[in-house]
N, C-alpha and C. Protein backbone atom coordinates (compact mmCIF):
# COMPACT_ATOMS: atom_id res chain seq x y z
N MET A 1 108.65 101.69 74.16
CA MET A 1 107.50 100.68 74.99
C MET A 1 107.72 99.94 74.21
N THR A 2 107.81 98.52 75.12
CA THR A 2 107.43 96.81 74.47
C THR A 2 106.49 96.54 75.35
N ASP A 3 105.90 95.34 75.09
CA ASP A 3 104.81 94.88 75.39
C ASP A 3 105.85 93.06 75.85
N VAL A 4 106.96 92.92 75.27
CA VAL A 4 107.90 91.52 75.91
C VAL A 4 108.53 92.11 76.77
N LEU A 5 109.19 91.06 77.54
CA LEU A 5 109.30 91.50 78.63
C LEU A 5 110.83 90.55 78.61
N PRO A 6 111.50 90.48 78.28
CA PRO A 6 113.25 89.18 77.74
C PRO A 6 112.98 88.41 79.07
N ALA A 7 113.10 87.15 79.16
CA ALA A 7 112.83 86.07 79.98
C ALA A 7 114.44 86.03 81.11
N ALA A 8 115.60 86.95 80.09
CA ALA A 8 116.88 86.70 80.57
C ALA A 8 116.82 87.54 81.73
N LEU A 9 116.31 89.01 81.16
CA LEU A 9 116.46 90.19 82.21
C LEU A 9 115.28 89.79 83.99
N VAL A 10 114.37 89.05 83.40
CA VAL A 10 113.17 88.65 84.58
C VAL A 10 114.45 88.05 85.57
N LEU A 11 115.56 86.80 84.42
CA LEU A 11 115.57 85.52 85.49
C LEU A 11 117.06 86.11 86.19
N SER A 12 118.01 87.00 85.50
CA SER A 12 118.91 87.66 85.98
C SER A 12 118.16 88.83 86.66
N THR A 13 117.08 89.26 87.58
CA THR A 13 116.71 90.06 88.22
C THR A 13 116.21 89.46 89.27
N LEU A 14 115.62 88.23 89.12
CA LEU A 14 115.24 87.30 89.99
C LEU A 14 116.56 86.45 91.07
N ARG A 15 117.43 86.18 90.30
CA ARG A 15 118.92 85.64 90.64
C ARG A 15 119.61 86.57 91.36
N ALA A 16 119.70 87.92 91.39
CA ALA A 16 120.25 88.91 92.03
C ALA A 16 118.83 89.07 93.61
N PHE A 17 118.13 89.24 93.14
CA PHE A 17 116.85 89.82 94.16
C PHE A 17 117.22 88.22 95.45
N LYS A 18 117.30 87.09 94.80
CA LYS A 18 117.66 85.85 95.62
C LYS A 18 118.72 86.19 96.10
N ARG A 19 120.01 86.47 95.64
CA ARG A 19 121.13 86.88 96.58
C ARG A 19 120.91 88.17 97.48
N GLY A 20 120.14 88.78 97.39
CA GLY A 20 119.57 89.57 98.68
C GLY A 20 120.02 91.44 97.89
N ASP A 21 120.25 91.04 96.47
CA ASP A 21 120.56 93.15 95.86
C ASP A 21 118.85 93.24 96.00
N PHE A 22 119.11 94.21 96.99
CA PHE A 22 117.72 95.04 96.93
C PHE A 22 117.40 96.32 95.80
N GLU A 23 118.86 96.16 95.69
CA GLU A 23 118.64 97.56 94.92
C GLU A 23 118.29 97.43 92.75
N VAL A 24 118.01 96.10 92.96
CA VAL A 24 118.50 95.86 91.12
C VAL A 24 116.39 95.48 91.49
N SER A 25 115.76 96.14 89.99
CA SER A 25 115.07 96.39 89.41
C SER A 25 114.73 96.00 88.03
N LEU A 26 113.35 95.71 87.55
CA LEU A 26 113.31 95.69 86.32
C LEU A 26 112.62 97.42 85.70
N PRO A 27 113.34 97.31 84.47
CA PRO A 27 112.37 98.97 84.00
C PRO A 27 111.29 98.81 83.95
N LEU A 28 110.42 100.06 83.88
CA LEU A 28 109.13 100.50 83.97
C LEU A 28 109.17 100.80 82.39
N GLU A 29 109.56 100.38 81.32
CA GLU A 29 109.25 100.75 79.94
C GLU A 29 108.27 99.85 79.33
N PHE A 30 107.85 98.74 80.02
CA PHE A 30 106.86 97.80 79.45
C PHE A 30 105.67 98.14 79.35
N THR A 31 104.53 97.47 78.67
CA THR A 31 103.21 97.82 78.58
C THR A 31 102.13 96.59 79.01
N GLY A 32 101.31 96.67 78.92
CA GLY A 32 100.54 95.23 79.12
C GLY A 32 100.99 94.23 79.74
N ILE A 33 100.95 93.02 79.76
CA ILE A 33 101.02 92.25 81.16
C ILE A 33 102.14 92.03 81.61
N ALA A 34 103.71 92.61 80.66
CA ALA A 34 105.13 92.80 80.93
C ALA A 34 105.07 93.97 81.40
N GLY A 35 104.39 94.82 81.96
CA GLY A 35 104.68 96.04 82.27
C GLY A 35 104.15 95.67 83.82
N GLU A 36 103.08 94.94 84.05
CA GLU A 36 102.47 94.53 85.11
C GLU A 36 103.36 93.85 85.94
N ILE A 37 104.09 92.71 85.35
CA ILE A 37 104.93 92.08 85.74
C ILE A 37 106.10 92.74 86.44
N ALA A 38 106.53 93.69 85.77
CA ALA A 38 107.68 94.76 86.05
C ALA A 38 107.39 95.22 87.19
N GLU A 39 105.99 96.22 87.49
CA GLU A 39 105.81 96.62 88.48
C GLU A 39 105.56 95.84 89.64
N GLU A 40 105.19 94.30 89.73
CA GLU A 40 104.83 93.63 90.74
C GLU A 40 106.03 92.86 91.14
N LEU A 41 107.33 92.74 90.42
CA LEU A 41 107.81 92.36 91.00
C LEU A 41 109.11 93.01 91.60
N ASN A 42 108.87 94.66 91.30
CA ASN A 42 109.49 95.64 91.27
C ASN A 42 109.10 95.78 92.98
N ALA A 43 107.81 95.89 92.62
CA ALA A 43 107.26 95.85 94.46
C ALA A 43 107.82 94.64 95.07
N ALA A 44 107.62 93.37 95.14
CA ALA A 44 107.34 92.49 95.52
C ALA A 44 109.15 92.71 96.39
N ILE A 45 110.49 93.48 95.53
CA ILE A 45 111.69 93.45 95.64
C ILE A 45 111.87 94.71 96.75
N ASP A 46 111.13 95.84 96.65
CA ASP A 46 110.59 96.74 97.82
C ASP A 46 110.00 96.12 99.04
N THR A 47 109.31 95.24 98.90
CA THR A 47 108.76 94.90 100.04
C THR A 47 110.16 94.05 101.39
N ASN A 48 110.47 93.49 100.19
CA ASN A 48 111.47 92.35 101.20
C ASN A 48 113.10 93.21 101.68
N ARG A 49 113.34 94.61 100.97
CA ARG A 49 113.75 95.40 100.70
C ARG A 49 113.63 96.34 102.74
N ARG A 50 112.65 96.85 102.41
CA ARG A 50 111.90 97.47 103.61
C ARG A 50 111.71 96.29 104.99
N LEU A 51 111.58 94.69 104.41
CA LEU A 51 111.76 93.96 105.49
C LEU A 51 112.80 93.95 106.09
N ALA A 52 113.75 93.19 105.32
CA ALA A 52 115.51 93.47 105.67
C ALA A 52 115.43 94.87 106.78
N LEU A 53 115.28 95.91 106.35
CA LEU A 53 115.73 96.98 106.80
C LEU A 53 115.12 97.04 108.41
N GLU A 54 113.95 96.67 108.77
CA GLU A 54 112.94 96.44 109.98
C GLU A 54 113.61 94.89 110.42
N LEU A 55 113.82 94.06 110.25
CA LEU A 55 115.06 92.91 110.77
C LEU A 55 115.78 93.09 111.24
N ALA A 56 116.53 94.37 110.43
CA ALA A 56 117.66 94.61 111.13
C ALA A 56 118.02 95.54 112.61
N ARG A 57 116.60 96.71 112.01
CA ARG A 57 116.58 97.18 113.32
C ARG A 57 115.98 96.71 114.13
N VAL A 58 115.43 95.98 114.51
CA VAL A 58 114.69 95.06 115.35
C VAL A 58 115.82 94.49 116.52
N SER A 59 117.16 93.56 115.58
CA SER A 59 118.19 92.71 116.09
C SER A 59 118.64 93.54 116.57
N THR A 60 118.80 94.75 116.21
CA THR A 60 119.67 96.00 116.65
C THR A 60 119.66 96.25 118.27
N VAL A 61 117.87 96.80 118.43
CA VAL A 61 117.33 96.97 119.54
C VAL A 61 117.10 95.92 120.30
N VAL A 62 117.02 94.36 120.13
CA VAL A 62 116.42 93.28 120.89
C VAL A 62 118.03 93.18 121.42
N GLY A 63 118.72 92.58 119.89
CA GLY A 63 120.33 91.66 120.66
C GLY A 63 121.41 92.63 120.94
N LYS A 64 121.12 94.23 120.93
CA LYS A 64 122.34 95.14 121.61
C LYS A 64 121.89 95.99 122.44
N GLU A 65 120.63 95.91 122.52
CA GLU A 65 120.48 96.90 123.66
C GLU A 65 119.42 96.06 124.55
N GLY A 66 118.87 95.12 124.42
CA GLY A 66 118.69 94.03 125.47
C GLY A 66 117.23 94.43 125.70
N LYS A 67 116.19 95.23 125.10
CA LYS A 67 114.72 95.03 124.76
C LYS A 67 113.64 94.42 124.44
């Protein structure tokens, strides 16, 4: 357990997320503020992953099925 979240790790995670990689996440081994940052960033990535899946579903229903 560590309470220091490496900036390079956060940056690489954010860059992957920006590219649309919703499988990326920060490890949950951090404590304190670093752990909270990891949890919140992972939650934001998961929320966006679910939103992208829902938008794809709606697009299929509206665009291809005409509903």
